[in-house]
Protein backbone atom coordinates (compact mmCIF):
# COMPACT_ATOMS: atom_id res chain seq x y z
CA MET A 1 2.69 15.67 5.54
CA GLU A 2 5.99 16.24 7.92
CA ARG A 3 8.82 13.79 7.46
CA SER A 4 11.76 12.67 9.77
CA ILE A 5 14.32 10.18 9.24
CA VAL A 6 16.03 7.89 11.90
CA THR A 7 18.31 5.27 11.90
CA VAL A 8 17.26 2.01 13.31
CA ALA A 9 19.37 2.40 16.42
CA GLU A 10 17.46 5.88 17.10
CA GLY A 11 14.12 4.01 16.22
CA LYS A 12 14.75 1.77 19.04
CA LYS A 13 15.51 4.46 21.60
CA SER A 14 12.50 6.61 20.74
CA PHE A 15 10.07 3.99 19.30
CA SER A 16 7.16 5.47 21.67
CA ARG A 17 7.84 9.15 20.60
CA LEU A 18 8.01 8.21 16.90
CA ILE A 19 4.67 6.60 17.10
CA ASN A 20 2.96 9.66 18.77
CA ASN A 21 4.73 12.08 16.10
CA ALA A 22 3.36 9.74 13.66
CA LEU A 23 -0.15 9.85 15.05
CA GLU A 24 -0.35 13.50 16.53
CA LYS A 25 1.80 15.47 13.97
CA ARG A 26 0.56 13.25 11.09
CA GLU A 27 4.54 12.72 10.54
CA GLU A 28 6.15 10.36 8.29
CA VAL A 29 8.83 8.52 9.68
CA ILE A 30 11.50 6.87 7.58
CA VAL A 31 14.05 4.48 9.13
CA THR A 32 17.41 3.66 7.70
CA ARG A 33 19.68 1.01 7.95
CA ARG A 34 23.31 1.68 6.59
CA GLY A 35 21.93 4.99 5.29
CA LYS A 36 19.20 3.52 3.05
CA PRO A 37 15.80 3.72 3.67
CA VAL A 38 13.95 0.38 4.63
CA VAL A 39 10.76 1.29 6.57
CA VAL A 40 8.28 4.17 6.81
CA MET A 41 6.13 4.83 9.81
CA VAL A 42 2.67 6.33 8.80
CA PRO A 43 -0.59 6.41 10.56
CA TYR A 44 -2.91 3.66 9.98
CA ASP A 45 -5.34 5.44 8.31
CA GLU A 46 -2.72 6.76 5.81
CA TYR A 47 -1.58 3.28 5.30
CA ARG A 48 -5.16 2.04 4.68
CA HIS A 49 -5.84 4.80 2.18
CA SER A 50 -2.73 4.28 0.39
CA LYS A 51 -3.68 0.69 -0.15
CA ARG A 52 -7.13 1.41 -1.57
CA ILE A 53 -5.59 4.01 -4.18
CA ASP A 54 -2.99 1.14 -4.87
CA GLY A 55 -5.89 -1.28 -5.54
CA TYR A 56 -7.90 0.62 -7.78
CA ARG A 57 -4.61 1.67 -10.04
CA LYS A 58 -4.48 -2.20 -10.36
CA ILE A 59 -7.96 -2.23 -11.15
CA MET A 60 -7.78 0.41 -13.77
CA GLN A 61 -4.40 -1.11 -15.39
CA ALA A 62 -6.59 -4.33 -15.76
CA ARG A 63 -9.48 -2.55 -17.05
CA ALA A 64 -7.23 -0.92 -20.12
CA VAL A 65 -5.86 -4.23 -20.78
CA PHE A 66 -9.31 -5.85 -21.15
CA LEU A 67 -10.47 -3.12 -23.16
CA LYS A 68 -7.42 -3.24 -25.31
CA ALA A 69 -7.90 -6.97 -25.95
CA ASP A 70 -11.76 -6.16 -26.75
CA ILE A 71 -12.58 -8.46 -23.72
CA SER A 72 -16.15 -7.54 -21.99
CA ALA A 73 -16.77 -7.33 -18.26
CA ASP A 74 -19.22 -10.15 -18.63
CA GLU A 75 -16.78 -12.51 -20.63
CA ILE A 76 -14.66 -11.98 -17.74
CA TYR A 77 -17.12 -12.90 -15.29
CA LYS A 78 -18.27 -15.99 -17.01
CA GLU A 79 -15.00 -17.27 -17.27
CA SER A 80 -13.83 -16.60 -13.61
CA LYS A 81 -17.18 -18.14 -12.64
CA ARG A 82 -16.40 -21.34 -14.67
CA GLN A 83 -12.71 -21.62 -13.44
CA LEU A 84 -14.08 -21.29 -9.73
CA GLU A 85 -16.52 -23.92 -10.04
CA GLU A 86 -14.11 -26.03 -11.91
CA LYS A 87 -11.97 -26.22 -8.43
CA ASP A 88 -15.13 -27.53 -6.39
């Protein structure tokens, strides 16, 4: 994926062009303020994909913790269900 870096001021002037570049050229646009990155513009499907991967990574980390603690998925399910029923 290509990448471009723009300041906030440049981004304001060229917002439509930057959106088009992100969509059509699959370009990652990094917006900086005072020389530091503050925002990244990417196509929405790329964003959704990264969120899915992040969610999967969190699930795998939790799974590793539960396996290390010798807690089964069935125990987690039953305890979660019990706690949800208590709230009602």
